[in-house]
Amino acid sequence: FDYMFKLLIIGNSSVGKTSFLFRYADDSFTSAFVSTVGIDFKVKTVFRNEKRIKLQIW
């Protein structure tokens, strides 16, 4: 990869942070999530202006 960014999603409990994470990283959605205990993260690689960008989303 050419660049790497770490993104931290913060907010109150049960507002959809994990749903947002899975929707963006995996293009999937389920309404059956229970509250996350601990930390959940995903890695996604995107391409912009002929550059490979690695996103670590926490």
PDB file of N, CA and C in Angstrom:
ATOM      1  N   PHE A   1       0.824  -1.181   0.000  1.00  0.00           N
ATOM      2  CA  PHE A   1       0.000   0.000   0.000  1.00  0.00           C
ATOM      3  C   PHE A   1       0.867   1.242   0.000  1.00  0.00           C
ATOM      4  N   ASP A   2       0.313   2.325  -0.491  1.00  0.00           N
ATOM      5  CA  ASP A   2       1.037   3.588  -0.547  1.00  0.00           C
ATOM      6  C   ASP A   2       0.818   4.432   0.702  1.00  0.00           C
ATOM      7  N   TYR A   3      -0.379   4.340   1.251  1.00  0.00           N
ATOM      8  CA  TYR A   3      -0.715   5.094   2.464  1.00  0.00           C
ATOM      9  C   TYR A   3      -1.491   4.186   3.406  1.00  0.00           C
ATOM     10  N   MET A   4      -1.399   4.475   4.704  1.00  0.00           N
ATOM     11  CA  MET A   4      -2.206   3.766   5.685  1.00  0.00           C
ATOM     12  C   MET A   4      -2.802   4.782   6.652  1.00  0.00           C
ATOM     13  N   PHE A   5      -4.095   4.647   6.895  1.00  0.00           N
ATOM     14  CA  PHE A   5      -4.784   5.515   7.843  1.00  0.00           C
ATOM     15  C   PHE A   5      -5.492   4.653   8.869  1.00  0.00           C
ATOM     16  N   LYS A   6      -5.473   5.094  10.109  1.00  0.00           N
ATOM     17  CA  LYS A   6      -6.229   4.446  11.173  1.00  0.00           C
ATOM     18  C   LYS A   6      -7.382   5.367  11.542  1.00  0.00           C
ATOM     19  N   LEU A   7      -8.589   4.829  11.468  1.00  0.00           N
ATOM     20  CA  LEU A   7      -9.788   5.604  11.762  1.00  0.00           C
ATOM     21  C   LEU A   7     -10.442   5.032  13.009  1.00  0.00           C
ATOM     22  N   LEU A   8     -10.827   5.886  13.914  1.00  0.00           N
ATOM     23  CA  LEU A   8     -11.476   5.471  15.153  1.00  0.00           C
ATOM     24  C   LEU A   8     -12.911   5.973  15.150  1.00  0.00           C
ATOM     25  N   ILE A   9     -13.843   5.045  15.295  1.00  0.00           N
ATOM     26  CA  ILE A   9     -15.256   5.408  15.361  1.00  0.00           C
ATOM     27  C   ILE A   9     -15.653   5.408  16.833  1.00  0.00           C
ATOM     28  N   ILE A  10     -16.128   6.546  17.313  1.00  0.00           N
ATOM     29  CA  ILE A  10     -16.543   6.630  18.710  1.00  0.00           C
ATOM     30  C   ILE A  10     -17.984   7.128  18.791  1.00  0.00           C
ATOM     31  N   GLY A  11     -18.640   6.769  19.874  1.00  0.00           N
ATOM     32  CA  GLY A  11     -20.013   7.218  20.077  1.00  0.00           C
ATOM     33  C   GLY A  11     -20.662   6.460  21.210  1.00  0.00           C
ATOM     34  N   ASN A  12     -21.860   6.845  21.516  1.00  0.00           N
ATOM     35  CA  ASN A  12     -22.625   6.185  22.575  1.00  0.00           C
ATOM     36  C   ASN A  12     -22.918   4.739  22.197  1.00  0.00           C
ATOM     37  N   SER A  13     -23.297   3.941  23.176  1.00  0.00           N
ATOM     38  CA  SER A  13     -23.601   2.535  22.913  1.00  0.00           C
ATOM     39  C   SER A  13     -24.911   2.415  22.134  1.00  0.00           C
ATOM     40  N   SER A  14     -24.960   1.390  21.318  1.00  0.00           N
ATOM     41  CA  SER A  14     -26.162   1.029  20.544  1.00  0.00           C
ATOM     42  C   SER A  14     -26.612   2.100  19.555  1.00  0.00           C
ATOM     43  N   VAL A  15     -25.652   2.799  18.944  1.00  0.00           N
ATOM     44  CA  VAL A  15     -26.023   3.806  17.942  1.00  0.00           C
ATOM     45  C   VAL A  15     -25.692   3.368  16.518  1.00  0.00           C
ATOM     46  N   GLY A  16     -24.992   2.225  16.344  1.00  0.00           N
ATOM     47  CA  GLY A  16     -24.734   1.707  15.006  1.00  0.00           C
ATOM     48  C   GLY A  16     -23.291   1.757  14.544  1.00  0.00           C
ATOM     49  N   LYS A  17     -22.344   1.906  15.459  1.00  0.00           N
ATOM     50  CA  LYS A  17     -20.928   1.965  15.060  1.00  0.00           C
ATOM     51  C   LYS A  17     -20.490   0.669  14.385  1.00  0.00           C
ATOM     52  N   THR A  18     -20.834  -0.472  14.964  1.00  0.00           N
ATOM     53  CA  THR A  18     -20.453  -1.759  14.384  1.00  0.00           C
ATOM     54  C   THR A  18     -21.181  -1.991  13.065  1.00  0.00           C
ATOM     55  N   SER A  19     -22.436  -1.620  12.990  1.00  0.00           N
ATOM     56  CA  SER A  19     -23.185  -1.752  11.731  1.00  0.00           C
ATOM     57  C   SER A  19     -22.548  -0.910  10.633  1.00  0.00           C
ATOM     58  N   PHE A  20     -22.158   0.312  10.973  1.00  0.00           N
ATOM     59  CA  PHE A  20     -21.471   1.183  10.014  1.00  0.00           C
ATOM     60  C   PHE A  20     -20.163   0.548   9.553  1.00  0.00           C
ATOM     61  N   LEU A  21     -19.399   0.009  10.500  1.00  0.00           N
ATOM     62  CA  LEU A  21     -18.118  -0.629  10.196  1.00  0.00           C
ATOM     63  C   LEU A  21     -18.295  -1.792   9.235  1.00  0.00           C
ATOM     64  N   PHE A  22     -19.215  -2.698   9.533  1.00  0.00           N
ATOM     65  CA  PHE A  22     -19.430  -3.860   8.677  1.00  0.00           C
ATOM     66  C   PHE A  22     -20.006  -3.455   7.323  1.00  0.00           C
ATOM     67  N   ARG A  23     -20.876  -2.464   7.297  1.00  0.00           N
ATOM     68  CA  ARG A  23     -21.464  -2.020   6.031  1.00  0.00           C
ATOM     69  C   ARG A  23     -20.392  -1.442   5.114  1.00  0.00           C
ATOM     70  N   TYR A  24     -19.505  -0.634   5.664  1.00  0.00           N
ATOM     71  CA  TYR A  24     -18.465  -0.021   4.841  1.00  0.00           C
ATOM     72  C   TYR A  24     -17.388  -1.030   4.441  1.00  0.00           C
ATOM     73  N   ALA A  25     -16.905  -1.813   5.394  1.00  0.00           N
ATOM     74  CA  ALA A  25     -15.770  -2.705   5.130  1.00  0.00           C
ATOM     75  C   ALA A  25     -16.164  -3.955   4.345  1.00  0.00           C
ATOM     76  N   ASP A  26     -17.312  -4.539   4.656  1.00  0.00           N
ATOM     77  CA  ASP A  26     -17.710  -5.807   4.038  1.00  0.00           C
ATOM     78  C   ASP A  26     -18.917  -5.688   3.117  1.00  0.00           C
ATOM     79  N   ASP A  27     -19.506  -4.505   3.035  1.00  0.00           N
ATOM     80  CA  ASP A  27     -20.730  -4.283   2.264  1.00  0.00           C
ATOM     81  C   ASP A  27     -21.827  -5.259   2.687  1.00  0.00           C
ATOM     82  N   SER A  28     -21.941  -5.450   4.008  1.00  0.00           N
ATOM     83  CA  SER A  28     -22.982  -6.322   4.545  1.00  0.00           C
ATOM     84  C   SER A  28     -23.692  -5.602   5.682  1.00  0.00           C
ATOM     85  N   PHE A  29     -24.917  -6.032   5.948  1.00  0.00           N
ATOM     86  CA  PHE A  29     -25.672  -5.435   7.044  1.00  0.00           C
ATOM     87  C   PHE A  29     -26.549  -6.496   7.673  1.00  0.00           C
ATOM     88  N   THR A  30     -26.620  -6.474   8.980  1.00  0.00           N
ATOM     89  CA  THR A  30     -27.557  -7.309   9.711  1.00  0.00           C
ATOM     90  C   THR A  30     -28.095  -6.503  10.879  1.00  0.00           C
ATOM     91  N   SER A  31     -29.338  -6.689  11.173  1.00  0.00           N
ATOM     92  CA  SER A  31     -29.926  -5.965  12.307  1.00  0.00           C
ATOM     93  C   SER A  31     -29.822  -6.779  13.587  1.00  0.00           C
ATOM     94  N   ALA A  32     -29.131  -7.915  13.546  1.00  0.00           N
ATOM     95  CA  ALA A  32     -29.061  -8.821  14.690  1.00  0.00           C
ATOM     96  C   ALA A  32     -27.828  -8.599  15.563  1.00  0.00           C
ATOM     97  N   PHE A  33     -27.120  -7.485  15.414  1.00  0.00           N
ATOM     98  CA  PHE A  33     -25.952  -7.238  16.254  1.00  0.00           C
ATOM     99  C   PHE A  33     -26.363  -7.018  17.699  1.00  0.00           C
ATOM    100  N   VAL A  34     -25.558  -7.541  18.609  1.00  0.00           N
ATOM    101  CA  VAL A  34     -25.718  -7.219  20.029  1.00  0.00           C
ATOM    102  C   VAL A  34     -24.616  -6.236  20.378  1.00  0.00           C
ATOM    103  N   SER A  35     -24.725  -5.574  21.494  1.00  0.00           N
ATOM    104  CA  SER A  35     -23.718  -4.584  21.883  1.00  0.00           C
ATOM    105  C   SER A  35     -22.330  -5.212  21.907  1.00  0.00           C
ATOM    106  N   THR A  36     -21.380  -4.529  21.293  1.00  0.00           N
ATOM    107  CA  THR A  36     -20.005  -5.006  21.232  1.00  0.00           C
ATOM    108  C   THR A  36     -19.328  -4.775  22.571  1.00  0.00           C
ATOM    109  N   VAL A  37     -18.688  -5.820  23.083  1.00  0.00           N
ATOM    110  CA  VAL A  37     -17.905  -5.695  24.306  1.00  0.00           C
ATOM    111  C   VAL A  37     -16.449  -5.776  23.885  1.00  0.00           C
ATOM    112  N   GLY A  38     -15.675  -4.752  24.160  1.00  0.00           N
ATOM    113  CA  GLY A  38     -14.285  -4.720  23.726  1.00  0.00           C
ATOM    114  C   GLY A  38     -14.146  -3.906  22.454  1.00  0.00           C
ATOM    115  N   ILE A  39     -13.235  -4.351  21.598  1.00  0.00           N
ATOM    116  CA  ILE A  39     -12.915  -3.590  20.389  1.00  0.00           C
ATOM    117  C   ILE A  39     -13.184  -4.445  19.162  1.00  0.00           C
ATOM    118  N   ASP A  40     -13.760  -3.843  18.157  1.00  0.00           N
ATOM    119  CA  ASP A  40     -14.006  -4.498  16.880  1.00  0.00           C
ATOM    120  C   ASP A  40     -13.331  -3.654  15.811  1.00  0.00           C
ATOM    121  N   PHE A  41     -12.628  -4.273  14.866  1.00  0.00           N
ATOM    122  CA  PHE A  41     -12.009  -3.487  13.803  1.00  0.00           C
ATOM    123  C   PHE A  41     -11.974  -4.272  12.507  1.00  0.00           C
ATOM    124  N   LYS A  42     -11.846  -3.540  11.432  1.00  0.00           N
ATOM    125  CA  LYS A  42     -11.759  -4.109  10.092  1.00  0.00           C
ATOM    126  C   LYS A  42     -10.661  -3.391   9.324  1.00  0.00           C
ATOM    127  N   VAL A  43     -10.153  -4.058   8.303  1.00  0.00           N
ATOM    128  CA  VAL A  43      -9.157  -3.466   7.409  1.00  0.00           C
ATOM    129  C   VAL A  43      -9.748  -3.471   6.002  1.00  0.00           C
ATOM    130  N   LYS A  44      -9.625  -2.349   5.332  1.00  0.00           N
ATOM    131  CA  LYS A  44     -10.123  -2.248   3.956  1.00  0.00           C
ATOM    132  C   LYS A  44      -9.088  -1.510   3.122  1.00  0.00           C
ATOM    133  N   THR A  45      -8.863  -1.991   1.921  1.00  0.00           N
ATOM    134  CA  THR A  45      -7.959  -1.323   0.990  1.00  0.00           C
ATOM    135  C   THR A  45      -8.795  -0.662  -0.095  1.00  0.00           C
ATOM    136  N   VAL A  46      -8.534   0.603  -0.322  1.00  0.00           N
ATOM    137  CA  VAL A  46      -9.235   1.354  -1.364  1.00  0.00           C
ATOM    138  C   VAL A  46      -8.202   1.936  -2.320  1.00  0.00           C
ATOM    139  N   PHE A  47      -8.638   2.257  -3.510  1.00  0.00           N
ATOM    140  CA  PHE A  47      -7.762   2.835  -4.519  1.00  0.00           C
ATOM    141  C   PHE A  47      -8.278   4.216  -4.887  1.00  0.00           C
ATOM    142  N   ARG A  48      -7.415   5.217  -4.779  1.00  0.00           N
ATOM    143  CA  ARG A  48      -7.759   6.597  -5.127  1.00  0.00           C
ATOM    144  C   ARG A  48      -6.574   7.223  -5.857  1.00  0.00           C
ATOM    145  N   ASN A  49      -6.833   7.803  -7.008  1.00  0.00           N
ATOM    146  CA  ASN A  49      -5.791   8.483  -7.788  1.00  0.00           C
ATOM    147  C   ASN A  49      -4.561   7.601  -7.993  1.00  0.00           C
ATOM    148  N   GLU A  50      -4.809   6.350  -8.368  1.00  0.00           N
ATOM    149  CA  GLU A  50      -3.751   5.379  -8.638  1.00  0.00           C
ATOM    150  C   GLU A  50      -2.890   5.071  -7.422  1.00  0.00           C
ATOM    151  N   LYS A  51      -3.392   5.323  -6.249  1.00  0.00           N
ATOM    152  CA  LYS A  51      -2.696   5.008  -4.996  1.00  0.00           C
ATOM    153  C   LYS A  51      -3.513   3.972  -4.239  1.00  0.00           C
ATOM    154  N   ARG A  52      -2.813   3.042  -3.608  1.00  0.00           N
ATOM    155  CA  ARG A  52      -3.461   2.022  -2.786  1.00  0.00           C
ATOM    156  C   ARG A  52      -3.442   2.505  -1.340  1.00  0.00           C
ATOM    157  N   ILE A  53      -4.608   2.605  -0.729  1.00  0.00           N
ATOM    158  CA  ILE A  53      -4.740   3.151   0.621  1.00  0.00           C
ATOM    159  C   ILE A  53      -5.322   2.078   1.530  1.00  0.00           C
ATOM    160  N   LYS A  54      -4.612   1.791   2.598  1.00  0.00           N
ATOM    161  CA  LYS A  54      -5.071   0.812   3.578  1.00  0.00           C
ATOM    162  C   LYS A  54      -5.737   1.557   4.729  1.00  0.00           C
ATOM    163  N   LEU A  55      -6.977   1.175   5.039  1.00  0.00           N
ATOM    164  CA  LEU A  55      -7.709   1.786   6.136  1.00  0.00           C
ATOM    165  C   LEU A  55      -7.871   0.768   7.253  1.00  0.00           C
ATOM    166  N   GLN A  56      -7.436   1.121   8.436  1.00  0.00           N
ATOM    167  CA  GLN A  56      -7.710   0.322   9.626  1.00  0.00           C
ATOM    168  C   GLN A  56      -8.804   1.069  10.376  1.00  0.00           C
ATOM    169  N   ILE A  57      -9.973   0.466  10.428  1.00  0.00           N
ATOM    170  CA  ILE A  57     -11.122   1.138  11.034  1.00  0.00           C
ATOM    171  C   ILE A  57     -11.425   0.444  12.349  1.00  0.00           C
ATOM    172  N   TRP A  58     -11.351   1.187  13.425  1.00  0.00           N
ATOM    173  CA  TRP A  58     -11.565   0.662  14.780  1.00  0.00           C
ATOM    174  C   TRP A  58     -12.857   1.185  15.318  1.00  0.00           C
TER     175      TRP A  58
END
